[in-house]
């Protein structure tokens, strides 16, 4: 029942969002709910009356999926909404069988990024000047990391543990935690604010899947520091989400030590470091932003 939804209600839900464009967009979408008529029921027999049957990926039970009605009198269709990566989802091999899969894959679906990543909404953040200048970055550790899932499919925790043997990493999350912060624990500040005092931000996803890019990259971009990502065989292809040469891919190096050596060099050489921030120093025509991406 959306009868209680109005502009005032929607504004109260999203007024805390800092990005004005994103805030306006979400308020507008929310306000549209007032025009919807929705009947919520658990009565399975009513499925036969539906034109579209929608599923959330984590609730799919393949054996219980109803057979769609498709005859001269009625044509039913199906859609599935997906945010988690396929390696962390049950029955992901069935996603392509839905008529309208809505997930993060930009080629094989009706794309819905795994986060709020939308170039139109994040241009201000993407091309903002550096928040904290190189000379004022923290000197105790060049890298920040904040993660809660310590058993990622791609083994990122093991990678970071080895990286820590060559270069200091401040880990604020549950994984390999070595620094305490009440502001992080109590979420008093956004991750991008925390990251801005570091030269690098570890933005490695929990799995390497095509187009699976989440708020980890967004927070790193918002910090105006340099993201460190993991793209193996083009999965994910970060050139589709950020300007070229604006991030460091761990798989571009022969070893973890080689990566650490490169990071140590950048952290003591502002000229080399600033090369990764090249796009932030240019006058940007937002209508021509596609030029920065593949």
Protein backbone atom coordinates (compact mmCIF):
# COMPACT_ATOMS: atom_id res chain seq x y z
CA UNK A 1 0.00 0.00 0.00
CA UNK A 2 1.62 3.25 -1.17
CA UNK A 3 -1.22 5.56 -0.12
CA UNK A 4 1.03 7.21 2.49
CA UNK A 5 3.64 8.16 -0.10
CA UNK A 6 3.84 11.83 -1.05
CA UNK A 7 6.56 14.37 -1.80
CA UNK A 8 7.09 15.20 1.87
CA UNK A 9 7.51 11.52 2.74
CA UNK A 10 10.02 11.00 -0.08
CA UNK A 11 12.03 14.05 0.89
CA UNK A 12 12.29 12.80 4.47
CA UNK A 13 13.72 9.51 3.19
CA UNK A 14 16.44 10.96 0.97
CA UNK A 15 17.26 14.45 2.27
CA UNK A 16 20.41 13.13 3.97
CA UNK A 17 22.02 12.17 0.63
CA UNK A 18 24.82 14.63 -0.08
CA UNK A 19 24.86 14.33 -3.87
CA UNK A 20 22.12 16.74 -4.97
CA UNK A 21 21.54 15.11 -8.36
CA UNK A 22 21.21 11.64 -6.87
CA UNK A 23 18.96 12.99 -4.11
CA UNK A 24 16.58 14.65 -6.58
CA UNK A 25 16.50 11.54 -8.75
CA UNK A 26 15.59 9.25 -5.84
CA UNK A 27 12.94 11.63 -4.53
CA UNK A 28 11.36 11.76 -7.99
CA UNK A 29 11.33 7.97 -8.27
CA UNK A 30 9.87 7.62 -4.79
CA UNK A 31 7.10 10.10 -5.53
CA UNK A 32 5.97 7.99 -8.49
CA UNK A 33 5.00 5.19 -6.09
CA UNK A 34 1.91 7.15 -5.07
CA UNK A 35 0.43 6.43 -8.50
CA UNK A 36 0.89 2.67 -8.20
CA UNK A 37 -1.82 0.22 -7.24
CA UNK A 38 -0.26 -2.84 -5.66
CA UNK A 39 -1.95 -5.90 -4.25
CA UNK A 40 0.31 -7.86 -1.90
CA UNK A 41 -0.60 -11.50 -1.44
CA UNK A 42 0.86 -14.94 -0.84
CA UNK A 43 -1.91 -16.60 -2.83
CA UNK A 44 -0.09 -18.57 -5.51
CA UNK A 45 -3.20 -19.09 -7.62
CA UNK A 46 -3.20 -15.38 -8.51
CA UNK A 47 0.02 -15.83 -10.46
CA UNK A 48 -2.09 -16.86 -13.44
CA UNK A 49 -3.51 -13.33 -13.62
CA UNK A 50 -0.13 -11.61 -13.77
CA UNK A 51 1.40 -10.22 -16.96
CA UNK A 52 4.87 -10.07 -15.39
CA UNK A 53 6.24 -12.23 -12.58
CA UNK A 54 9.19 -10.65 -10.77
CA UNK A 55 11.75 -12.39 -8.58
CA UNK A 56 14.56 -11.31 -6.29
CA UNK A 57 17.63 -13.42 -7.00
CA UNK A 58 18.30 -14.49 -3.41
CA UNK A 59 14.75 -15.85 -3.09
CA UNK A 60 14.69 -17.95 -6.25
CA UNK A 61 13.83 -21.60 -5.75
CA UNK A 62 14.27 -23.13 -9.17
CA UNK A 63 12.04 -26.13 -8.51
CA UNK A 64 9.15 -23.86 -7.50
CA UNK A 65 9.20 -21.52 -10.48
CA UNK A 66 5.74 -21.53 -12.12
CA UNK A 67 5.41 -22.34 -15.78
CA UNK A 68 4.63 -19.17 -17.70
CA UNK A 69 1.36 -18.94 -19.60
CA UNK A 70 1.98 -18.32 -23.28
CA UNK A 71 -0.93 -18.84 -25.63
CA UNK A 72 -3.13 -16.83 -27.98
CA UNK A 73 -5.05 -15.31 -25.08
CA UNK A 74 -2.25 -14.47 -22.61
CA UNK A 75 1.50 -13.93 -22.68
CA UNK A 76 3.30 -13.94 -19.35
CA UNK A 77 6.87 -12.73 -18.86
CA UNK A 78 9.42 -12.98 -16.07
CA UNK A 79 12.06 -10.70 -14.58
CA UNK A 80 14.71 -11.17 -11.92
CA UNK A 81 16.45 -8.46 -9.89
CA UNK A 82 20.09 -9.15 -9.00
CA UNK A 83 22.72 -7.24 -7.03
CA UNK A 84 25.06 -9.93 -5.70
CA UNK A 85 27.74 -11.45 -7.92
CA UNK A 86 26.95 -14.77 -9.54
CA UNK A 87 29.59 -16.67 -7.55
CA UNK A 88 27.84 -15.64 -4.33
CA UNK A 89 24.32 -16.40 -5.58
CA UNK A 90 22.39 -19.63 -5.77
CA UNK A 91 21.00 -20.65 -9.16
CA UNK A 92 22.92 -17.93 -11.02
CA UNK A 93 23.04 -20.25 -14.03
CA UNK A 94 19.28 -19.64 -14.38
CA UNK A 95 19.50 -15.84 -14.65
CA UNK A 96 19.66 -15.82 -18.43
CA UNK A 97 16.46 -17.86 -18.61
CA UNK A 98 14.37 -14.93 -17.41
CA UNK A 99 12.87 -12.68 -20.07
CA UNK A 100 14.11 -9.49 -18.44
CA UNK A 101 17.10 -10.05 -16.14
CA UNK A 102 17.94 -6.85 -14.29
CA UNK A 103 21.50 -7.08 -13.05
CA UNK A 104 24.94 -5.51 -13.28
CA UNK A 105 26.06 -7.12 -16.55
CA UNK A 106 26.02 -4.31 -19.09
CA UNK A 107 25.69 -6.55 -22.15
CA UNK A 108 23.45 -9.44 -21.12
CA UNK A 109 20.71 -7.67 -19.21
CA UNK A 110 18.77 -4.51 -18.54
CA UNK A 111 21.64 -3.04 -16.55
CA UNK A 112 21.26 -2.14 -12.90
CA UNK A 113 24.73 -1.47 -11.49
CA UNK A 114 25.71 -3.31 -8.34
CA UNK A 115 25.80 0.10 -6.66
CA UNK A 116 24.55 3.62 -7.38
CA UNK A 117 27.25 3.97 -10.03
CA UNK A 118 25.76 6.14 -12.73
CA UNK A 119 28.08 8.33 -14.76
CA UNK A 120 25.45 11.05 -15.08
CA UNK A 121 25.02 11.24 -11.32
CA UNK A 122 28.65 10.93 -10.31
CA UNK A 123 30.37 13.32 -12.71
CA UNK A 124 30.79 15.94 -10.01
CA UNK A 125 32.50 13.36 -7.81
CA UNK A 126 34.48 11.76 -10.60
CA UNK A 127 36.06 14.98 -11.80
CA UNK A 128 36.27 16.88 -8.53
CA UNK A 129 39.62 18.40 -7.56
CA UNK A 130 41.73 16.54 -5.02
CA UNK A 131 40.25 16.72 -1.53
CA UNK A 132 43.52 16.38 0.39
CA UNK A 133 46.74 17.48 -1.34
CA UNK A 134 49.65 15.06 -1.61
CA UNK A 135 51.70 16.93 1.00
CA UNK A 136 48.96 16.55 3.62
CA UNK A 137 48.23 12.85 3.10
CA UNK A 138 48.90 10.60 6.07
CA UNK A 139 52.51 9.44 6.31
CA UNK A 140 51.96 6.48 8.63
CA UNK A 141 50.36 4.34 5.91
CA UNK A 142 49.80 5.04 2.22
CA UNK A 143 46.90 2.58 1.82
CA UNK A 144 43.46 2.29 3.41
CA UNK A 145 41.20 -0.78 3.41
CA UNK A 146 37.72 -1.27 4.86
CA UNK A 147 36.08 -4.65 4.31
CA UNK A 148 33.71 -6.85 6.35
CA UNK A 149 33.62 -10.02 4.21
CA UNK A 150 36.84 -11.87 4.99
CA UNK A 151 36.03 -14.98 2.93
CA UNK A 152 35.73 -13.46 -0.51
CA UNK A 153 35.62 -15.83 -3.46
CA UNK A 154 38.74 -14.33 -5.06
CA UNK A 155 40.92 -14.57 -1.96
CA UNK A 156 41.45 -10.84 -1.55
CA UNK A 157 42.23 -11.16 2.18
CA UNK A 158 45.17 -13.45 1.47
CA UNK A 159 46.41 -11.00 -1.14
CA UNK A 160 46.17 -8.03 1.25
CA UNK A 161 47.91 -10.01 3.98
CA UNK A 162 50.87 -10.56 1.68
CA UNK A 163 50.79 -6.93 0.55
CA UNK A 164 51.03 -5.88 4.20
CA UNK A 165 54.40 -7.58 4.45
CA UNK A 166 55.81 -5.10 1.93
CA UNK A 167 53.89 -1.88 2.61
CA UNK A 168 51.77 -0.47 5.42
CA UNK A 169 48.01 -0.89 5.00
CA UNK A 170 45.56 0.57 7.51
CA UNK A 171 42.73 -1.96 7.73
CA UNK A 172 39.62 -0.52 9.39
CA UNK A 173 37.25 -3.41 8.74
CA UNK A 174 36.86 -6.87 10.24
CA UNK A 175 39.48 -8.39 7.96
CA UNK A 176 43.11 -8.13 9.10
CA UNK A 177 42.09 -5.21 11.29
CA UNK A 178 45.02 -3.23 12.63
CA UNK A 179 43.52 0.18 13.39
CA UNK A 180 40.51 1.30 15.43
CA UNK A 181 38.25 4.20 14.60
CA UNK A 182 34.99 5.15 16.28
CA UNK A 183 33.96 7.22 13.26
CA UNK A 184 34.18 4.11 11.08
CA UNK A 185 32.52 1.80 13.60
CA UNK A 186 29.65 4.21 14.19
CA UNK A 187 29.49 5.37 10.56
CA UNK A 188 29.90 9.03 11.51
CA UNK A 189 31.60 9.83 8.25
CA UNK A 190 31.46 8.41 4.77
CA UNK A 191 34.16 6.06 3.60
CA UNK A 192 35.27 8.54 0.97
CA UNK A 193 36.04 11.13 3.66
CA UNK A 194 38.13 8.60 5.56
CA UNK A 195 39.93 7.49 2.42
CA UNK A 196 40.77 11.03 1.30
CA UNK A 197 43.69 11.29 3.73
CA UNK A 198 45.33 8.22 2.16
CA UNK A 199 47.21 8.08 -1.12
CA UNK A 200 45.64 4.76 -2.16
CA UNK A 201 42.40 2.92 -1.47
CA UNK A 202 42.00 -0.85 -1.83
CA UNK A 203 38.78 -1.22 -3.83
CA UNK A 204 38.91 -4.94 -4.60
CA UNK A 205 35.54 -6.67 -5.02
CA UNK A 206 34.62 -10.01 -3.42
CA UNK A 207 34.73 -11.75 -6.81
CA UNK A 208 35.98 -11.10 -10.31
CA UNK A 209 32.87 -11.07 -12.47
CA UNK A 210 32.06 -9.21 -15.65
CA UNK A 211 30.87 -5.66 -14.84
CA UNK A 212 30.58 -6.41 -11.10
CA UNK A 213 31.67 -3.05 -9.68
CA UNK A 214 30.22 -1.78 -6.40
CA UNK A 215 30.44 1.11 -3.96
CA UNK A 216 34.06 0.16 -3.26
CA UNK A 217 35.11 1.93 -6.43
CA UNK A 218 32.62 4.75 -5.84
CA UNK A 219 33.98 5.47 -2.36
CA UNK A 220 37.53 5.42 -3.69
CA UNK A 221 36.63 7.80 -6.52
CA UNK A 222 34.81 10.07 -4.09
CA UNK A 223 37.91 10.26 -1.92
CA UNK A 224 39.92 11.59 -4.92
CA UNK A 225 42.70 9.17 -3.96
CA UNK A 226 43.94 6.42 -6.28
CA UNK A 227 41.87 3.18 -6.31
CA UNK A 228 43.66 -0.17 -6.28
CA UNK A 229 41.49 -2.73 -8.07
CA UNK A 230 41.68 -6.35 -9.20
CA UNK A 231 40.68 -7.06 -12.79
CA UNK A 232 41.63 -10.49 -14.05
CA UNK A 233 41.24 -11.14 -17.78
CA UNK A 234 39.10 -8.03 -18.04
CA UNK A 235 36.71 -9.07 -15.28
CA UNK A 236 35.58 -6.56 -14.35
CA UNK A 237 36.73 -4.09 -16.99
CA UNK A 238 37.31 -0.93 -15.00
CA UNK A 239 37.84 1.09 -18.17
CA UNK A 240 34.05 0.97 -18.51
CA UNK A 241 33.59 2.67 -15.15
CA UNK A 242 36.51 5.07 -14.69
CA UNK A 243 38.96 7.03 -16.86
CA UNK A 244 41.95 5.10 -18.14
CA UNK A 245 45.07 5.33 -16.03
CA UNK A 246 43.08 6.51 -13.02
CA UNK A 247 43.42 3.27 -11.04
CA UNK A 248 46.01 0.57 -10.37
CA UNK A 249 45.22 -3.04 -11.29
CA UNK A 250 47.00 -5.58 -9.10
CA UNK A 251 47.08 -8.07 -11.99
CA UNK A 252 49.27 -5.72 -14.02
CA UNK A 253 52.22 -6.72 -11.82
CA UNK A 254 54.24 -9.93 -11.81
CA UNK A 255 54.17 -10.24 -8.04
CA UNK A 256 52.74 -8.62 -4.93
CA UNK A 257 56.21 -7.29 -4.15
CA UNK A 258 56.40 -5.61 -7.57
CA UNK A 259 53.06 -3.95 -6.85
CA UNK A 260 54.26 -2.80 -3.43
CA UNK A 261 57.45 -1.39 -4.95
CA UNK A 262 55.37 0.61 -7.42
CA UNK A 263 53.11 1.93 -4.66
CA UNK A 264 56.11 2.86 -2.51
CA UNK A 265 57.57 4.74 -5.45
CA UNK A 266 54.35 6.66 -6.08
CA UNK A 267 53.89 7.47 -2.41
CA UNK A 268 57.24 9.29 -2.34
CA UNK A 269 57.10 10.85 -5.81
CA UNK A 270 54.33 13.40 -6.24
CA UNK A 271 54.98 13.89 -9.95
CA UNK A 272 54.49 10.18 -10.65
CA UNK A 273 51.53 10.01 -8.26
CA UNK A 274 49.76 12.94 -9.89
CA UNK A 275 49.84 11.20 -13.27
CA UNK A 276 46.97 9.01 -12.03
CA UNK A 277 44.95 12.16 -11.28
CA UNK A 278 45.39 13.66 -14.74
CA UNK A 279 41.68 13.91 -15.49
CA UNK A 280 40.94 15.93 -12.35
CA UNK A 281 43.10 18.79 -13.60
CA UNK A 282 41.28 19.26 -16.89
CA UNK A 283 38.32 21.52 -17.67
CA UNK A 284 35.56 18.97 -18.14
CA UNK A 285 32.76 19.09 -20.67
CA UNK A 286 30.32 16.73 -18.98
CA UNK A 287 28.52 16.08 -22.26
CA UNK A 288 31.75 14.71 -23.73
CA UNK A 289 32.67 12.55 -20.76
CA UNK A 290 32.39 9.40 -22.87
CA UNK A 291 35.79 10.31 -24.31
CA UNK A 292 37.38 9.27 -21.02
CA UNK A 293 36.01 5.74 -21.23
CA UNK A 294 36.33 2.89 -23.66
